[in-house]
PDB file of N, CA and C in Angstrom:
ATOM      1  N   MET A   1       0.835  -1.177   0.000  1.00  0.00           N
ATOM      2  CA  MET A   1       0.000   0.000   0.000  1.00  0.00           C
ATOM      3  C   MET A   1       0.884   1.246   0.000  1.00  0.00           C
ATOM      4  N   LEU A   2       0.456   2.252  -0.713  1.00  0.00           N
ATOM      5  CA  LEU A   2       1.202   3.494  -0.845  1.00  0.00           C
ATOM      6  C   LEU A   2       0.340   4.647  -0.375  1.00  0.00           C
ATOM      7  N   LYS A   3       0.934   5.552   0.409  1.00  0.00           N
ATOM      8  CA  LYS A   3       0.221   6.766   0.788  1.00  0.00           C
ATOM      9  C   LYS A   3       1.223   7.899   0.917  1.00  0.00           C
ATOM     10  N   ILE A   4       0.697   9.118   0.942  1.00  0.00           N
ATOM     11  CA  ILE A   4       1.539  10.291   1.126  1.00  0.00           C
ATOM     12  C   ILE A   4       1.009  11.090   2.309  1.00  0.00           C
ATOM     13  N   LYS A   5       1.922  11.784   2.985  1.00  0.00           N
ATOM     14  CA  LYS A   5       1.519  12.665   4.077  1.00  0.00           C
ATOM     15  C   LYS A   5       2.651  13.625   4.399  1.00  0.00           C
ATOM     16  N   ARG A   6       2.298  14.705   5.080  1.00  0.00           N
ATOM     17  CA  ARG A   6       3.309  15.673   5.485  1.00  0.00           C
ATOM     18  C   ARG A   6       4.215  15.049   6.541  1.00  0.00           C
ATOM     19  N   VAL A   7       5.478  15.344   6.454  1.00  0.00           N
ATOM     20  CA  VAL A   7       6.458  14.794   7.381  1.00  0.00           C
ATOM     21  C   VAL A   7       6.206  15.279   8.807  1.00  0.00           C
ATOM     22  N   TYR A   8       5.483  16.376   8.951  1.00  0.00           N
ATOM     23  CA  TYR A   8       5.189  16.936  10.268  1.00  0.00           C
ATOM     24  C   TYR A   8       4.047  16.195  10.969  1.00  0.00           C
ATOM     25  N   GLU A   9       3.309  15.376  10.234  1.00  0.00           N
ATOM     26  CA  GLU A   9       2.213  14.617  10.829  1.00  0.00           C
ATOM     27  C   GLU A   9       2.773  13.477  11.680  1.00  0.00           C
ATOM     28  N   LYS A  10       1.994  13.096  12.670  1.00  0.00           N
ATOM     29  CA  LYS A  10       2.400  12.039  13.595  1.00  0.00           C
ATOM     30  C   LYS A  10       2.565  10.706  12.856  1.00  0.00           C
ATOM     31  N   LYS A  11       3.596   9.980  13.241  1.00  0.00           N
ATOM     32  CA  LYS A  11       3.821   8.647  12.680  1.00  0.00           C
ATOM     33  C   LYS A  11       2.708   7.715  13.145  1.00  0.00           C
ATOM     34  N   GLU A  12       2.242   6.883  12.210  1.00  0.00           N
ATOM     35  CA  GLU A  12       1.214   5.888  12.514  1.00  0.00           C
ATOM     36  C   GLU A  12       1.786   4.505  12.223  1.00  0.00           C
ATOM     37  N   SER A  13       1.272   3.509  12.903  1.00  0.00           N
ATOM     38  CA  SER A  13       1.767   2.147  12.678  1.00  0.00           C
ATOM     39  C   SER A  13       1.513   1.695  11.242  1.00  0.00           C
ATOM     40  N   SER A  14       0.478   2.232  10.610  1.00  0.00           N
ATOM     41  CA  SER A  14       0.157   1.848   9.230  1.00  0.00           C
ATOM     42  C   SER A  14       1.072   2.509   8.198  1.00  0.00           C
ATOM     43  N   ASP A  15       1.942   3.420   8.627  1.00  0.00           N
ATOM     44  CA  ASP A  15       2.844   4.095   7.686  1.00  0.00           C
ATOM     45  C   ASP A  15       3.818   3.124   7.028  1.00  0.00           C
ATOM     46  N   GLY A  16       4.215   2.104   7.726  1.00  0.00           N
ATOM     47  CA  GLY A  16       5.221   1.204   7.174  1.00  0.00           C
ATOM     48  C   GLY A  16       6.537   1.933   7.006  1.00  0.00           C
ATOM     49  N   LYS A  17       7.181   1.736   5.875  1.00  0.00           N
ATOM     50  CA  LYS A  17       8.451   2.418   5.600  1.00  0.00           C
ATOM     51  C   LYS A  17       8.161   3.871   5.256  1.00  0.00           C
ATOM     52  N   ARG A  18       8.805   4.774   5.975  1.00  0.00           N
ATOM     53  CA  ARG A  18       8.591   6.215   5.792  1.00  0.00           C
ATOM     54  C   ARG A  18       9.761   6.794   4.995  1.00  0.00           C
ATOM     55  N   ILE A  19       9.436   7.340   3.811  1.00  0.00           N
ATOM     56  CA  ILE A  19      10.470   7.839   2.905  1.00  0.00           C
ATOM     57  C   ILE A  19      10.241   9.320   2.636  1.00  0.00           C
ATOM     58  N   LEU A  20      11.211  10.143   3.011  1.00  0.00           N
ATOM     59  CA  LEU A  20      11.153  11.567   2.713  1.00  0.00           C
ATOM     60  C   LEU A  20      11.549  11.761   1.259  1.00  0.00           C
ATOM     61  N   VAL A  21      10.700  12.443   0.489  1.00  0.00           N
ATOM     62  CA  VAL A  21      10.944  12.606  -0.947  1.00  0.00           C
ATOM     63  C   VAL A  21      11.189  14.072  -1.323  1.00  0.00           C
ATOM     64  N   ASP A  22      11.600  14.881  -0.368  1.00  0.00           N
ATOM     65  CA  ASP A  22      11.967  16.278  -0.617  1.00  0.00           C
ATOM     66  C   ASP A  22      13.463  16.375  -0.871  1.00  0.00           C
ATOM     67  N   ARG A  23      13.853  17.320  -1.704  1.00  0.00           N
ATOM     68  CA  ARG A  23      15.275  17.538  -1.975  1.00  0.00           C
ATOM     69  C   ARG A  23      15.952  18.210  -0.777  1.00  0.00           C
ATOM     70  N   LEU A  24      15.226  19.109  -0.108  1.00  0.00           N
ATOM     71  CA  LEU A  24      15.758  19.825   1.052  1.00  0.00           C
ATOM     72  C   LEU A  24      15.114  19.289   2.322  1.00  0.00           C
ATOM     73  N   TRP A  25      15.867  19.284   3.410  1.00  0.00           N
ATOM     74  CA  TRP A  25      15.316  18.828   4.687  1.00  0.00           C
ATOM     75  C   TRP A  25      14.251  19.829   5.148  1.00  0.00           C
ATOM     76  N   PRO A  26      13.115  19.351   5.654  1.00  0.00           N
ATOM     77  CA  PRO A  26      12.020  20.234   6.083  1.00  0.00           C
ATOM     78  C   PRO A  26      12.446  21.188   7.206  1.00  0.00           C
ATOM     79  N   ARG A  27      12.002  22.426   7.071  1.00  0.00           N
ATOM     80  CA  ARG A  27      12.345  23.462   8.046  1.00  0.00           C
ATOM     81  C   ARG A  27      11.791  23.140   9.424  1.00  0.00           C
ATOM     82  N   GLY A  28      12.602  23.437  10.425  1.00  0.00           N
ATOM     83  CA  GLY A  28      12.162  23.325  11.804  1.00  0.00           C
ATOM     84  C   GLY A  28      12.015  21.910  12.330  1.00  0.00           C
ATOM     85  N   LEU A  29      12.456  20.936  11.577  1.00  0.00           N
ATOM     86  CA  LEU A  29      12.295  19.539  11.981  1.00  0.00           C
ATOM     87  C   LEU A  29      13.666  18.912  12.217  1.00  0.00           C
ATOM     88  N   GLN A  30      13.873  18.439  13.422  1.00  0.00           N
ATOM     89  CA  GLN A  30      15.120  17.753  13.749  1.00  0.00           C
ATOM     90  C   GLN A  30      15.097  16.356  13.132  1.00  0.00           C
ATOM     91  N   LYS A  31      16.217  15.927  12.617  1.00  0.00           N
ATOM     92  CA  LYS A  31      16.277  14.602  11.994  1.00  0.00           C
ATOM     93  C   LYS A  31      15.869  13.502  12.966  1.00  0.00           C
ATOM     94  N   ALA A  32      16.229  13.653  14.218  1.00  0.00           N
ATOM     95  CA  ALA A  32      15.881  12.637  15.216  1.00  0.00           C
ATOM     96  C   ALA A  32      14.372  12.569  15.462  1.00  0.00           C
ATOM     97  N   ASP A  33      13.673  13.683  15.257  1.00  0.00           N
ATOM     98  CA  ASP A  33      12.228  13.734  15.504  1.00  0.00           C
ATOM     99  C   ASP A  33      11.394  13.315  14.295  1.00  0.00           C
ATOM    100  N   ALA A  34      12.008  13.239  13.131  1.00  0.00           N
ATOM    101  CA  ALA A  34      11.258  13.009  11.894  1.00  0.00           C
ATOM    102  C   ALA A  34      10.778  11.572  11.727  1.00  0.00           C
ATOM    103  N   GLU A  35      11.463  10.631  12.333  1.00  0.00           N
ATOM    104  CA  GLU A  35      11.126   9.215  12.192  1.00  0.00           C
ATOM    105  C   GLU A  35      11.033   8.815  10.717  1.00  0.00           C
ATOM    106  N   VAL A  36      12.077   9.186   9.975  1.00  0.00           N
ATOM    107  CA  VAL A  36      12.189   8.884   8.551  1.00  0.00           C
ATOM    108  C   VAL A  36      13.116   7.684   8.394  1.00  0.00           C
ATOM    109  N   ASP A  37      12.675   6.699   7.622  1.00  0.00           N
ATOM    110  CA  ASP A  37      13.496   5.512   7.384  1.00  0.00           C
ATOM    111  C   ASP A  37      14.510   5.720   6.265  1.00  0.00           C
ATOM    112  N   GLU A  38      14.142   6.571   5.304  1.00  0.00           N
ATOM    113  CA  GLU A  38      15.021   6.810   4.155  1.00  0.00           C
ATOM    114  C   GLU A  38      14.734   8.200   3.615  1.00  0.00           C
ATOM    115  N   TRP A  39      15.784   8.850   3.126  1.00  0.00           N
ATOM    116  CA  TRP A  39      15.647  10.162   2.504  1.00  0.00           C
ATOM    117  C   TRP A  39      16.057  10.013   1.046  1.00  0.00           C
ATOM    118  N   MET A  40      15.072  10.051   0.148  1.00  0.00           N
ATOM    119  CA  MET A  40      15.329   9.891  -1.290  1.00  0.00           C
ATOM    120  C   MET A  40      15.272  11.251  -1.982  1.00  0.00           C
ATOM    121  N   LYS A  41      16.236  12.106  -1.686  1.00  0.00           N
ATOM    122  CA  LYS A  41      16.211  13.445  -2.273  1.00  0.00           C
ATOM    123  C   LYS A  41      16.411  13.419  -3.785  1.00  0.00           C
ATOM    124  N   GLU A  42      17.031  12.346  -4.289  1.00  0.00           N
ATOM    125  CA  GLU A  42      17.291  12.259  -5.729  1.00  0.00           C
ATOM    126  C   GLU A  42      16.024  12.051  -6.557  1.00  0.00           C
ATOM    127  N   ILE A  43      14.913  11.665  -5.921  1.00  0.00           N
ATOM    128  CA  ILE A  43      13.666  11.472  -6.670  1.00  0.00           C
ATOM    129  C   ILE A  43      12.808  12.741  -6.668  1.00  0.00           C
ATOM    130  N   ALA A  44      13.217  13.727  -5.906  1.00  0.00           N
ATOM    131  CA  ALA A  44      12.491  15.001  -5.849  1.00  0.00           C
ATOM    132  C   ALA A  44      12.660  15.754  -7.174  1.00  0.00           C
ATOM    133  N   PRO A  45      11.824  16.751  -7.412  1.00  0.00           N
ATOM    134  CA  PRO A  45      12.003  17.562  -8.623  1.00  0.00           C
ATOM    135  C   PRO A  45      13.406  18.173  -8.660  1.00  0.00           C
ATOM    136  N   SER A  46      13.916  18.367  -9.852  1.00  0.00           N
ATOM    137  CA  SER A  46      15.233  18.979 -10.011  1.00  0.00           C
ATOM    138  C   SER A  46      15.227  20.364  -9.364  1.00  0.00           C
ATOM    139  N   PRO A  47      16.395  20.845  -8.949  1.00  0.00           N
ATOM    140  CA  PRO A  47      16.449  22.189  -8.360  1.00  0.00           C
ATOM    141  C   PRO A  47      15.863  23.254  -9.287  1.00  0.00           C
ATOM    142  N   GLU A  48      16.110  23.114 -10.575  1.00  0.00           N
ATOM    143  CA  GLU A  48      15.588  24.094 -11.533  1.00  0.00           C
ATOM    144  C   GLU A  48      14.059  24.073 -11.562  1.00  0.00           C
ATOM    145  N   LEU A  49      13.482  22.878 -11.592  1.00  0.00           N
ATOM    146  CA  LEU A  49      12.023  22.763 -11.634  1.00  0.00           C
ATOM    147  C   LEU A  49      11.411  23.237 -10.322  1.00  0.00           C
ATOM    148  N   ARG A  50      12.023  22.886  -9.221  1.00  0.00           N
ATOM    149  CA  ARG A  50      11.514  23.302  -7.908  1.00  0.00           C
ATOM    150  C   ARG A  50      11.508  24.826  -7.793  1.00  0.00           C
ATOM    151  N   LYS A  51      12.589  25.459  -8.219  1.00  0.00           N
ATOM    152  CA  LYS A  51      12.672  26.922  -8.159  1.00  0.00           C
ATOM    153  C   LYS A  51      11.670  27.559  -9.111  1.00  0.00           C
ATOM    154  N   TRP A  52      11.520  27.011 -10.311  1.00  0.00           N
ATOM    155  CA  TRP A  52      10.561  27.556 -11.273  1.00  0.00           C
ATOM    156  C   TRP A  52       9.142  27.491 -10.710  1.00  0.00           C
ATOM    157  N   PHE A  53       8.775  26.368 -10.134  1.00  0.00           N
ATOM    158  CA  PHE A  53       7.418  26.173  -9.597  1.00  0.00           C
ATOM    159  C   PHE A  53       7.157  27.108  -8.421  1.00  0.00           C
ATOM    160  N   GLY A  54       8.051  27.152  -7.465  1.00  0.00           N
ATOM    161  CA  GLY A  54       7.908  28.045  -6.330  1.00  0.00           C
ATOM    162  C   GLY A  54       6.602  27.891  -5.571  1.00  0.00           C
ATOM    163  N   HIS A  55       5.993  26.718  -5.618  1.00  0.00           N
ATOM    164  CA  HIS A  55       4.708  26.426  -4.953  1.00  0.00           C
ATOM    165  C   HIS A  55       3.592  27.363  -5.419  1.00  0.00           C
ATOM    166  N   ASP A  56       3.658  27.773  -6.682  1.00  0.00           N
ATOM    167  CA  ASP A  56       2.636  28.642  -7.272  1.00  0.00           C
ATOM    168  C   ASP A  56       1.537  27.769  -7.876  1.00  0.00           C
ATOM    169  N   PRO A  57       0.330  27.748  -7.277  1.00  0.00           N
ATOM    170  CA  PRO A  57      -0.752  26.909  -7.804  1.00  0.00           C
ATOM    171  C   PRO A  57      -1.084  27.194  -9.271  1.00  0.00           C
ATOM    172  N   GLY A  58      -0.811  28.405  -9.737  1.00  0.00           N
ATOM    173  CA  GLY A  58      -1.065  28.746 -11.127  1.00  0.00           C
ATOM    174  C   GLY A  58      -0.160  28.006 -12.102  1.00  0.00           C
ATOM    175  N   LYS A  59       0.939  27.477 -11.600  1.00  0.00           N
ATOM    176  CA  LYS A  59       1.881  26.723 -12.433  1.00  0.00           C
ATOM    177  C   LYS A  59       1.719  25.216 -12.257  1.00  0.00           C
ATOM    178  N   TRP A  60       0.714  24.789 -11.489  1.00  0.00           N
ATOM    179  CA  TRP A  60       0.570  23.383 -11.110  1.00  0.00           C
ATOM    180  C   TRP A  60       0.469  22.436 -12.301  1.00  0.00           C
ATOM    181  N   VAL A  61      -0.374  22.743 -13.260  1.00  0.00           N
ATOM    182  CA  VAL A  61      -0.585  21.833 -14.394  1.00  0.00           C
ATOM    183  C   VAL A  61       0.721  21.631 -15.163  1.00  0.00           C
ATOM    184  N   GLU A  62       1.426  22.712 -15.413  1.00  0.00           N
ATOM    185  CA  GLU A  62       2.699  22.604 -16.133  1.00  0.00           C
ATOM    186  C   GLU A  62       3.759  21.914 -15.267  1.00  0.00           C
ATOM    187  N   PHE A  63       3.753  22.200 -13.971  1.00  0.00           N
ATOM    188  CA  PHE A  63       4.689  21.534 -13.064  1.00  0.00           C
ATOM    189  C   PHE A  63       4.481  20.024 -13.093  1.00  0.00           C
ATOM    190  N   LYS A  64       3.223  19.591 -13.014  1.00  0.00           N
ATOM    191  CA  LYS A  64       2.923  18.158 -13.043  1.00  0.00           C
ATOM    192  C   LYS A  64       3.477  17.517 -14.316  1.00  0.00           C
ATOM    193  N   ARG A  65       3.280  18.188 -15.436  1.00  0.00           N
ATOM    194  CA  ARG A  65       3.762  17.658 -16.712  1.00  0.00           C
ATOM    195  C   ARG A  65       5.291  17.542 -16.710  1.00  0.00           C
ATOM    196  N   ARG A  66       5.955  18.596 -16.268  1.00  0.00           N
ATOM    197  CA  ARG A  66       7.421  18.601 -16.271  1.00  0.00           C
ATOM    198  C   ARG A  66       7.997  17.581 -15.288  1.00  0.00           C
ATOM    199  N   TYR A  67       7.399  17.494 -14.108  1.00  0.00           N
ATOM    200  CA  TYR A  67       7.918  16.544 -13.116  1.00  0.00           C
ATOM    201  C   TYR A  67       7.657  15.105 -13.560  1.00  0.00           C
ATOM    202  N   ALA A  68       6.515  14.844 -14.156  1.00  0.00           N
ATOM    203  CA  ALA A  68       6.232  13.503 -14.680  1.00  0.00           C
ATOM    204  C   ALA A  68       7.272  13.132 -15.736  1.00  0.00           C
ATOM    205  N   ARG A  69       7.675  14.104 -16.544  1.00  0.00           N
ATOM    206  CA  ARG A  69       8.713  13.851 -17.545  1.00  0.00           C
ATOM    207  C   ARG A  69      10.040  13.522 -16.855  1.00  0.00           C
ATOM    208  N   GLU A  70      10.366  14.266 -15.795  1.00  0.00           N
ATOM    209  CA  GLU A  70      11.588  13.959 -15.041  1.00  0.00           C
ATOM    210  C   GLU A  70      11.532  12.543 -14.465  1.00  0.00           C
ATOM    211  N   LEU A  71      10.371  12.154 -13.953  1.00  0.00           N
ATOM    212  CA  LEU A  71      10.236  10.833 -13.336  1.00  0.00           C
ATOM    213  C   LEU A  71      10.350   9.698 -14.345  1.00  0.00           C
ATOM    214  N   SER A  72      10.106   9.985 -15.611  1.00  0.00           N
ATOM    215  CA  SER A  72      10.223   8.941 -16.628  1.00  0.00           C
ATOM    216  C   SER A  72      11.634   8.873 -17.219  1.00  0.00           C
ATOM    217  N   ALA A  73      12.494   9.823 -16.847  1.00  0.00           N
ATOM    218  CA  ALA A  73      13.886   9.796 -17.306  1.00  0.00           C
ATOM    219  C   ALA A  73      14.609   8.632 -16.630  1.00  0.00           C
ATOM    220  N   SER A  74      15.627   8.125 -17.285  1.00  0.00           N
ATOM    221  CA  SER A  74      16.273   6.887 -16.839  1.00  0.00           C
ATOM    222  C   SER A  74      16.759   6.916 -15.394  1.00  0.00           C
ATOM    223  N   ASP A  75      17.308   8.042 -14.938  1.00  0.00           N
ATOM    224  CA  ASP A  75      17.846   8.062 -13.575  1.00  0.00           C
ATOM    225  C   ASP A  75      16.750   7.959 -12.516  1.00  0.00           C
ATOM    226  N   LYS A  76      15.605   8.576 -12.750  1.00  0.00           N
ATOM    227  CA  LYS A  76      14.514   8.525 -11.771  1.00  0.00           C
ATOM    228  C   LYS A  76      13.540   7.385 -12.047  1.00  0.00           C
ATOM    229  N   ALA A  77      13.472   6.920 -13.267  1.00  0.00           N
ATOM    230  CA  ALA A  77      12.540   5.833 -13.605  1.00  0.00           C
ATOM    231  C   ALA A  77      12.857   4.572 -12.807  1.00  0.00           C
ATOM    232  N   GLY A  78      14.126   4.307 -12.597  1.00  0.00           N
ATOM    233  CA  GLY A  78      14.516   3.144 -11.802  1.00  0.00           C
ATOM    234  C   GLY A  78      14.078   3.269 -10.355  1.00  0.00           C
ATOM    235  N   LEU A  79      14.131   4.482  -9.826  1.00  0.00           N
ATOM    236  CA  LEU A  79      13.685   4.715  -8.450  1.00  0.00           C
ATOM    237  C   LEU A  79      12.177   4.539  -8.333  1.00  0.00           C
ATOM    238  N   VAL A  80      11.444   5.026  -9.333  1.00  0.00           N
ATOM    239  CA  VAL A  80       9.985   4.840  -9.353  1.00  0.00           C
ATOM    240  C   VAL A  80       9.663   3.351  -9.396  1.00  0.00           C
ATOM    241  N   ARG A  81      10.374   2.617 -10.234  1.00  0.00           N
ATOM    242  CA  ARG A  81      10.171   1.170 -10.329  1.00  0.00           C
ATOM    243  C   ARG A  81      10.432   0.488  -8.987  1.00  0.00           C
ATOM    244  N   ASP A  82      11.531   0.861  -8.343  1.00  0.00           N
ATOM    245  CA  ASP A  82      11.874   0.260  -7.050  1.00  0.00           C
ATOM    246  C   ASP A  82      10.815   0.561  -5.994  1.00  0.00           C
ATOM    247  N   LEU A  83      10.319   1.789  -5.971  1.00  0.00           N
ATOM    248  CA  LEU A  83       9.273   2.149  -5.009  1.00  0.00           C
ATOM    249  C   LEU A  83       7.983   1.396  -5.297  1.00  0.00           C
ATOM    250  N   ALA A  84       7.662   1.223  -6.568  1.00  0.00           N
ATOM    251  CA  ALA A  84       6.454   0.472  -6.935  1.00  0.00           C
ATOM    252  C   ALA A  84       6.561  -0.974  -6.462  1.00  0.00           C
ATOM    253  N   ARG A  85       7.712  -1.559  -6.649  1.00  0.00           N
ATOM    254  CA  ARG A  85       7.915  -2.943  -6.192  1.00  0.00           C
ATOM    255  C   ARG A  85       7.778  -3.044  -4.679  1.00  0.00           C
ATOM    256  N   GLU A  86       8.401  -2.100  -3.981  1.00  0.00           N
ATOM    257  CA  GLU A  86       8.337  -2.141  -2.520  1.00  0.00           C
ATOM    258  C   GLU A  86       6.913  -1.911  -2.024  1.00  0.00           C
ATOM    259  N   ALA A  87       6.207  -0.952  -2.616  1.00  0.00           N
ATOM    260  CA  ALA A  87       4.838  -0.645  -2.183  1.00  0.00           C
ATOM    261  C   ALA A  87       3.862  -1.758  -2.531  1.00  0.00           C
ATOM    262  N   SER A  88       4.239  -2.638  -3.429  1.00  0.00           N
ATOM    263  CA  SER A  88       3.352  -3.758  -3.759  1.00  0.00           C
ATOM    264  C   SER A  88       3.473  -4.896  -2.746  1.00  0.00           C
ATOM    265  N   THR A  89       4.493  -4.831  -1.883  1.00  0.00           N
ATOM    266  CA  THR A  89       4.690  -5.900  -0.902  1.00  0.00           C
ATOM    267  C   THR A  89       4.586  -5.439   0.549  1.00  0.00           C
ATOM    268  N   ARG A  90       4.571  -4.125   0.774  1.00  0.00           N
ATOM    269  CA  ARG A  90       4.494  -3.597   2.143  1.00  0.00           C
ATOM    270  C   ARG A  90       3.963  -2.172   2.123  1.00  0.00           C
ATOM    271  N   ASN A  91       3.616  -1.650   3.275  1.00  0.00           N
ATOM    272  CA  ASN A  91       3.167  -0.263   3.384  1.00  0.00           C
ATOM    273  C   ASN A  91       4.354   0.675   3.213  1.00  0.00           C
ATOM    274  N   VAL A  92       4.158   1.690   2.372  1.00  0.00           N
ATOM    275  CA  VAL A  92       5.167   2.713   2.140  1.00  0.00           C
ATOM    276  C   VAL A  92       4.467   4.063   2.215  1.00  0.00           C
ATOM    277  N   THR A  93       5.047   4.989   2.965  1.00  0.00           N
ATOM    278  CA  THR A  93       4.510   6.343   3.060  1.00  0.00           C
ATOM    279  C   THR A  93       5.548   7.317   2.539  1.00  0.00           C
ATOM    280  N   LEU A  94       5.149   8.103   1.535  1.00  0.00           N
ATOM    281  CA  LEU A  94       6.003   9.151   0.987  1.00  0.00           C
ATOM    282  C   LEU A  94       5.761  10.410   1.807  1.00  0.00           C
ATOM    283  N   LEU A  95       6.816  10.982   2.345  1.00  0.00           N
ATOM    284  CA  LEU A  95       6.718  12.156   3.206  1.00  0.00           C
ATOM    285  C   LEU A  95       7.232  13.391   2.484  1.00  0.00           C
ATOM    286  N   TYR A  96       6.558  14.516   2.713  1.00  0.00           N
ATOM    287  CA  TYR A  96       6.960  15.784   2.111  1.00  0.00           C
ATOM    288  C   TYR A  96       6.714  16.900   3.117  1.00  0.00           C
ATOM    289  N   GLY A  97       7.339  18.035   2.914  1.00  0.00           N
ATOM    290  CA  GLY A  97       7.225  19.129   3.864  1.00  0.00           C
ATOM    291  C   GLY A  97       6.293  20.254   3.467  1.00  0.00           C
ATOM    292  N   ALA A  98       5.903  20.339   2.215  1.00  0.00           N
ATOM    293  CA  ALA A  98       5.095  21.466   1.730  1.00  0.00           C
ATOM    294  C   ALA A  98       3.790  21.621   2.503  1.00  0.00           C
ATOM    295  N   LYS A  99       3.417  22.882   2.750  1.00  0.00           N
ATOM    296  CA  LYS A  99       2.157  23.169   3.444  1.00  0.00           C
ATOM    297  C   LYS A  99       0.958  22.905   2.541  1.00  0.00           C
ATOM    298  N   ASP A 100       1.116  23.182   1.260  1.00  0.00           N
ATOM    299  CA  ASP A 100       0.022  23.022   0.295  1.00  0.00           C
ATOM    300  C   ASP A 100      -0.076  21.549  -0.104  1.00  0.00           C
ATOM    301  N   THR A 101      -1.033  20.863   0.487  1.00  0.00           N
ATOM    302  CA  THR A 101      -1.155  19.423   0.240  1.00  0.00           C
ATOM    303  C   THR A 101      -1.745  19.108  -1.129  1.00  0.00           C
ATOM    304  N   GLU A 102      -2.425  20.066  -1.738  1.00  0.00           N
ATOM    305  CA  GLU A 102      -3.030  19.833  -3.054  1.00  0.00           C
ATOM    306  C   GLU A 102      -2.034  20.007  -4.196  1.00  0.00           C
ATOM    307  N   HIS A 103      -0.978  20.769  -3.963  1.00  0.00           N
ATOM    308  CA  HIS A 103      -0.016  21.073  -5.023  1.00  0.00           C
ATOM    309  C   HIS A 103       1.394  20.632  -4.624  1.00  0.00           C
ATOM    310  N   SER A 104       1.494  19.437  -4.104  1.00  0.00           N
ATOM    311  CA  SER A 104       2.775  18.881  -3.678  1.00  0.00           C
ATOM    312  C   SER A 104       3.309  17.914  -4.735  1.00  0.00           C
ATOM    313  N   HIS A 105       4.611  17.959  -4.938  1.00  0.00           N
ATOM    314  CA  HIS A 105       5.228  17.027  -5.889  1.00  0.00           C
ATOM    315  C   HIS A 105       4.992  15.578  -5.480  1.00  0.00           C
ATOM    316  N   ALA A 106       4.747  15.342  -4.196  1.00  0.00           N
ATOM    317  CA  ALA A 106       4.510  13.969  -3.731  1.00  0.00           C
ATOM    318  C   ALA A 106       3.268  13.369  -4.382  1.00  0.00           C
ATOM    319  N   LYS A 107       2.284  14.199  -4.721  1.00  0.00           N
ATOM    320  CA  LYS A 107       1.083  13.700  -5.413  1.00  0.00           C
ATOM    321  C   LYS A 107       1.439  13.195  -6.809  1.00  0.00           C
ATOM    322  N   VAL A 108       2.305  13.921  -7.490  1.00  0.00           N
ATOM    323  CA  VAL A 108       2.734  13.518  -8.834  1.00  0.00           C
ATOM    324  C   VAL A 108       3.547  12.229  -8.747  1.00  0.00           C
ATOM    325  N   LEU A 109       4.416  12.159  -7.757  1.00  0.00           N
ATOM    326  CA  LEU A 109       5.221  10.957  -7.552  1.00  0.00           C
ATOM    327  C   LEU A 109       4.329   9.764  -7.214  1.00  0.00           C
ATOM    328  N   GLU A 110       3.351   9.983  -6.359  1.00  0.00           N
ATOM    329  CA  GLU A 110       2.414   8.910  -6.011  1.00  0.00           C
ATOM    330  C   GLU A 110       1.708   8.381  -7.262  1.00  0.00           C
ATOM    331  N   GLU A 111       1.245   9.294  -8.124  1.00  0.00           N
ATOM    332  CA  GLU A 111       0.578   8.886  -9.368  1.00  0.00           C
ATOM    333  C   GLU A 111       1.510   8.049 -10.238  1.00  0.00           C
ATOM    334  N   ALA A 112       2.765   8.466 -10.345  1.00  0.00           N
ATOM    335  CA  ALA A 112       3.733   7.730 -11.172  1.00  0.00           C
ATOM    336  C   ALA A 112       3.979   6.332 -10.611  1.00  0.00           C
ATOM    337  N   ILE A 113       4.071   6.232  -9.297  1.00  0.00           N
ATOM    338  CA  ILE A 113       4.307   4.925  -8.667  1.00  0.00           C
ATOM    339  C   ILE A 113       3.092   4.025  -8.844  1.00  0.00           C
ATOM    340  N   LEU A 114       1.902   4.571  -8.617  1.00  0.00           N
ATOM    341  CA  LEU A 114       0.681   3.773  -8.783  1.00  0.00           C
ATOM    342  C   LEU A 114       0.518   3.305 -10.223  1.00  0.00           C
ATOM    343  N   LYS A 115       0.855   4.169 -11.160  1.00  0.00           N
ATOM    344  CA  LYS A 115       0.803   3.784 -12.573  1.00  0.00           C
ATOM    345  C   LYS A 115       1.777   2.638 -12.835  1.00  0.00           C
ATOM    346  N   ARG A 116       2.955   2.752 -12.274  1.00  0.00           N
ATOM    347  CA  ARG A 116       3.968   1.700 -12.443  1.00  0.00           C
ATOM    348  C   ARG A 116       3.513   0.400 -11.779  1.00  0.00           C
ATOM    349  N   MET A 117       2.866   0.503 -10.631  1.00  0.00           N
ATOM    350  CA  MET A 117       2.368  -0.690  -9.944  1.00  0.00           C
ATOM    351  C   MET A 117       1.338  -1.407 -10.807  1.00  0.00           C
ATOM    352  N   GLY A 118       0.533  -0.658 -11.522  1.00  0.00           N
ATOM    353  CA  GLY A 118      -0.430  -1.258 -12.441  1.00  0.00           C
ATOM    354  C   GLY A 118       0.262  -2.024 -13.541  1.00  0.00           C
ATOM    355  N   LYS A 119       1.366  -1.479 -14.029  1.00  0.00           N
ATOM    356  CA  LYS A 119       2.142  -2.157 -15.068  1.00  0.00           C
ATOM    357  C   LYS A 119       2.801  -3.408 -14.510  1.00  0.00           C
ATOM    358  N   GLU A 120       3.233  -3.338 -13.264  1.00  0.00           N
ATOM    359  CA  GLU A 120       3.927  -4.469 -12.652  1.00  0.00           C
ATOM    360  C   GLU A 120       3.008  -5.666 -12.448  1.00  0.00           C
ATOM    361  N   THR A 121       1.724  -5.411 -12.243  1.00  0.00           N
ATOM    362  CA  THR A 121       0.808  -6.510 -11.939  1.00  0.00           C
ATOM    363  C   THR A 121       0.232  -7.157 -13.192  1.00  0.00           C
ATOM    364  N   THR A 122       0.468  -6.589 -14.365  1.00  0.00           N
ATOM    365  CA  THR A 122      -0.077  -7.167 -15.598  1.00  0.00           C
ATOM    366  C   THR A 122       0.901  -8.110 -16.248  1.00  0.00           C
TER     367      THR A 122
END
């Protein structure tokens, strides 16, 4: 099972493996308090894309398109595949720090992983 949530939310037993998918460490959060099992900053949007987006909801549609393209590139596609395999056998929670839960890159990543999981089961 795969889910996403803010890294600031309380850890739940159903979270399973908790993976931070932000390029930068979340503000105001001590690493010891985060209860993160893995930090996959390499799967986050590129620095250029992150800066261009700037959490502007008006750029969301284009951001989704660009980030999905990044996720299909060879370096990140393997990571998406690995996450899909892991999420098909255990609970995995993708963690992110953004306040805007509707316009978070983690949603795009979740969609890519779920799409890949569909391919894996056929």
